Amino acid sequence: MSDDTERAAQLLREHRESIDRLDAILVYTLAERFKHTQAVGKLKAEHALPPSDPAREGRQIERLEWLANEADLDPEFAKKFLNFIISEVIRHHEKLQN
């Protein structure tokens, strides 16, 4: 194996290790987020509040698009990601209302 190939293999391992760490951070961050949204859902159910809040959801999407631009992440991807999360949260909130 040439020095260039060995260096490329080492860099690949380092990138993959970083990706693995970041994937773990994403999973634990999402779990923490859902703990809070579950608490919100319980409060909404206890006080007969609607499971979704379109005004807040709109503000959150705008905020995420801004953050995505700041982070040099495709804002459309960020928007789709947040919309997916919001739909899951609403689904959980609706279950609590039944």
C-alpha atoms as a PDB file:
ATOM      1  CA  MET A   1       0.000   0.000   0.000  1.00  0.00           C
ATOM      2  CA  SER A   2       1.389   3.395  -0.927  1.00  0.00           C
ATOM      3  CA  ASP A   3       1.750   6.216   1.571  1.00  0.00           C
ATOM      4  CA  ASP A   4      -1.052   8.108  -0.196  1.00  0.00           C
ATOM      5  CA  THR A   5      -3.377   5.119   0.023  1.00  0.00           C
ATOM      6  CA  GLU A   6      -2.543   4.568   3.702  1.00  0.00           C
ATOM      7  CA  ARG A   7      -3.154   8.243   4.450  1.00  0.00           C
ATOM      8  CA  ALA A   8      -6.475   8.133   2.581  1.00  0.00           C
ATOM      9  CA  ALA A   9      -7.512   5.022   4.548  1.00  0.00           C
ATOM     10  CA  GLN A  10      -6.603   6.763   7.820  1.00  0.00           C
ATOM     11  CA  LEU A  11      -8.573   9.881   6.866  1.00  0.00           C
ATOM     12  CA  LEU A  12     -11.539   7.698   5.901  1.00  0.00           C
ATOM     13  CA  ARG A  13     -11.438   5.978   9.318  1.00  0.00           C
ATOM     14  CA  GLU A  14     -11.275   9.364  11.076  1.00  0.00           C
ATOM     15  CA  HIS A  15     -14.238  10.722   9.103  1.00  0.00           C
ATOM     16  CA  ARG A  16     -16.249   7.590   9.834  1.00  0.00           C
ATOM     17  CA  GLU A  17     -15.442   7.789  13.550  1.00  0.00           C
ATOM     18  CA  SER A  18     -16.649  11.411  13.557  1.00  0.00           C
ATOM     19  CA  ILE A  19     -19.817  10.410  11.715  1.00  0.00           C
ATOM     20  CA  ASP A  20     -20.465   7.644  14.256  1.00  0.00           C
ATOM     21  CA  ARG A  21     -20.047  10.092  17.162  1.00  0.00           C
ATOM     22  CA  LEU A  22     -22.327  12.631  15.498  1.00  0.00           C
ATOM     23  CA  ASP A  23     -24.968   9.962  14.807  1.00  0.00           C
ATOM     24  CA  ALA A  24     -24.961   9.110  18.521  1.00  0.00           C
ATOM     25  CA  ILE A  25     -25.306  12.800  19.400  1.00  0.00           C
ATOM     26  CA  LEU A  26     -28.256  13.109  16.986  1.00  0.00           C
ATOM     27  CA  VAL A  27     -30.041  10.097  18.485  1.00  0.00           C
ATOM     28  CA  TYR A  28     -29.587  11.256  22.074  1.00  0.00           C
ATOM     29  CA  THR A  29     -30.550  14.829  21.149  1.00  0.00           C
ATOM     30  CA  LEU A  30     -33.724  13.625  19.428  1.00  0.00           C
ATOM     31  CA  ALA A  31     -34.557  11.456  22.443  1.00  0.00           C
ATOM     32  CA  GLU A  32     -34.161  14.462  24.752  1.00  0.00           C
ATOM     33  CA  ARG A  33     -36.300  16.599  22.440  1.00  0.00           C
ATOM     34  CA  PHE A  34     -39.056  13.983  22.389  1.00  0.00           C
ATOM     35  CA  LYS A  35     -39.031  13.783  26.198  1.00  0.00           C
ATOM     36  CA  HIS A  36     -39.897  17.478  26.263  1.00  0.00           C
ATOM     37  CA  THR A  37     -42.496  17.223  23.510  1.00  0.00           C
ATOM     38  CA  GLN A  38     -44.116  14.298  25.348  1.00  0.00           C
ATOM     39  CA  ALA A  39     -44.381  16.486  28.451  1.00  0.00           C
ATOM     40  CA  VAL A  40     -45.935  19.222  26.302  1.00  0.00           C
ATOM     41  CA  GLY A  41     -48.383  16.683  24.876  1.00  0.00           C
ATOM     42  CA  LYS A  42     -49.441  15.584  28.348  1.00  0.00           C
ATOM     43  CA  LEU A  43     -49.994  19.201  29.396  1.00  0.00           C
ATOM     44  CA  LYS A  44     -52.048  19.849  26.284  1.00  0.00           C
ATOM     45  CA  ALA A  45     -54.150  16.744  26.882  1.00  0.00           C
ATOM     46  CA  GLU A  46     -54.718  17.632  30.559  1.00  0.00           C
ATOM     47  CA  HIS A  47     -55.868  21.134  29.637  1.00  0.00           C
ATOM     48  CA  ALA A  48     -57.801  20.239  26.467  1.00  0.00           C
ATOM     49  CA  LEU A  49     -55.438  22.228  24.238  1.00  0.00           C
ATOM     50  CA  PRO A  50     -55.132  21.371  20.539  1.00  0.00           C
ATOM     51  CA  PRO A  51     -52.371  18.883  19.656  1.00  0.00           C
ATOM     52  CA  SER A  52     -50.802  21.230  17.112  1.00  0.00           C
ATOM     53  CA  ASP A  53     -49.904  24.912  17.146  1.00  0.00           C
ATOM     54  CA  PRO A  54     -49.521  26.018  13.524  1.00  0.00           C
ATOM     55  CA  ALA A  55     -48.230  29.496  14.459  1.00  0.00           C
ATOM     56  CA  ARG A  56     -45.441  28.054  16.613  1.00  0.00           C
ATOM     57  CA  GLU A  57     -44.653  25.394  14.018  1.00  0.00           C
ATOM     58  CA  GLY A  58     -44.301  28.118  11.372  1.00  0.00           C
ATOM     59  CA  ARG A  59     -41.959  30.113  13.612  1.00  0.00           C
ATOM     60  CA  GLN A  60     -39.917  26.990  14.321  1.00  0.00           C
ATOM     61  CA  ILE A  61     -39.554  26.230  10.619  1.00  0.00           C
ATOM     62  CA  GLU A  62     -38.461  29.816   9.892  1.00  0.00           C
ATOM     63  CA  ARG A  63     -35.973  29.624  12.772  1.00  0.00           C
ATOM     64  CA  LEU A  64     -34.592  26.302  11.552  1.00  0.00           C
ATOM     65  CA  GLU A  65     -34.212  27.637   8.019  1.00  0.00           C
ATOM     66  CA  TRP A  66     -32.251  30.588   9.415  1.00  0.00           C
ATOM     67  CA  LEU A  67     -30.072  28.263  11.514  1.00  0.00           C
ATOM     68  CA  ALA A  68     -29.508  26.015   8.510  1.00  0.00           C
ATOM     69  CA  ASN A  69     -28.330  28.965   6.445  1.00  0.00           C
ATOM     70  CA  GLU A  70     -26.000  30.003   9.277  1.00  0.00           C
ATOM     71  CA  ALA A  71     -24.628  26.448   9.497  1.00  0.00           C
ATOM     72  CA  ASP A  72     -24.231  26.145   5.713  1.00  0.00           C
ATOM     73  CA  LEU A  73     -26.835  23.355   5.594  1.00  0.00           C
ATOM     74  CA  ASP A  74     -29.427  23.105   2.844  1.00  0.00           C
ATOM     75  CA  PRO A  75     -32.463  24.919   4.331  1.00  0.00           C
ATOM     76  CA  GLU A  76     -34.872  22.731   2.334  1.00  0.00           C
ATOM     77  CA  PHE A  77     -33.366  19.633   3.929  1.00  0.00           C
ATOM     78  CA  ALA A  78     -33.627  21.241   7.377  1.00  0.00           C
ATOM     79  CA  LYS A  79     -37.251  22.192   6.697  1.00  0.00           C
ATOM     80  CA  LYS A  80     -38.154  18.639   5.621  1.00  0.00           C
ATOM     81  CA  PHE A  81     -36.392  17.245   8.682  1.00  0.00           C
ATOM     82  CA  LEU A  82     -38.254  19.553  11.079  1.00  0.00           C
ATOM     83  CA  ASN A  83     -41.574  18.907   9.330  1.00  0.00           C
ATOM     84  CA  PHE A  84     -41.018  15.181   9.856  1.00  0.00           C
ATOM     85  CA  ILE A  85     -40.270  15.721  13.548  1.00  0.00           C
ATOM     86  CA  ILE A  86     -43.274  18.019  13.987  1.00  0.00           C
ATOM     87  CA  SER A  87     -45.583  15.475  12.342  1.00  0.00           C
ATOM     88  CA  GLU A  88     -44.330  12.788  14.746  1.00  0.00           C
ATOM     89  CA  VAL A  89     -44.839  15.084  17.735  1.00  0.00           C
ATOM     90  CA  ILE A  90     -48.386  15.936  16.626  1.00  0.00           C
ATOM     91  CA  ARG A  91     -49.124  12.228  16.117  1.00  0.00           C
ATOM     92  CA  HIS A  92     -47.972  11.542  19.704  1.00  0.00           C
ATOM     93  CA  HIS A  93     -50.003  14.484  21.021  1.00  0.00           C
ATOM     94  CA  GLU A  94     -53.116  13.231  19.216  1.00  0.00           C
ATOM     95  CA  LYS A  95     -52.667   9.789  20.792  1.00  0.00           C
ATOM     96  CA  LEU A  96     -52.555  11.389  24.249  1.00  0.00           C
ATOM     97  CA  GLN A  97     -55.839  13.192  23.565  1.00  0.00           C
ATOM     98  CA  ASN A  98     -57.736   9.948  22.926  1.00  0.00           C
END
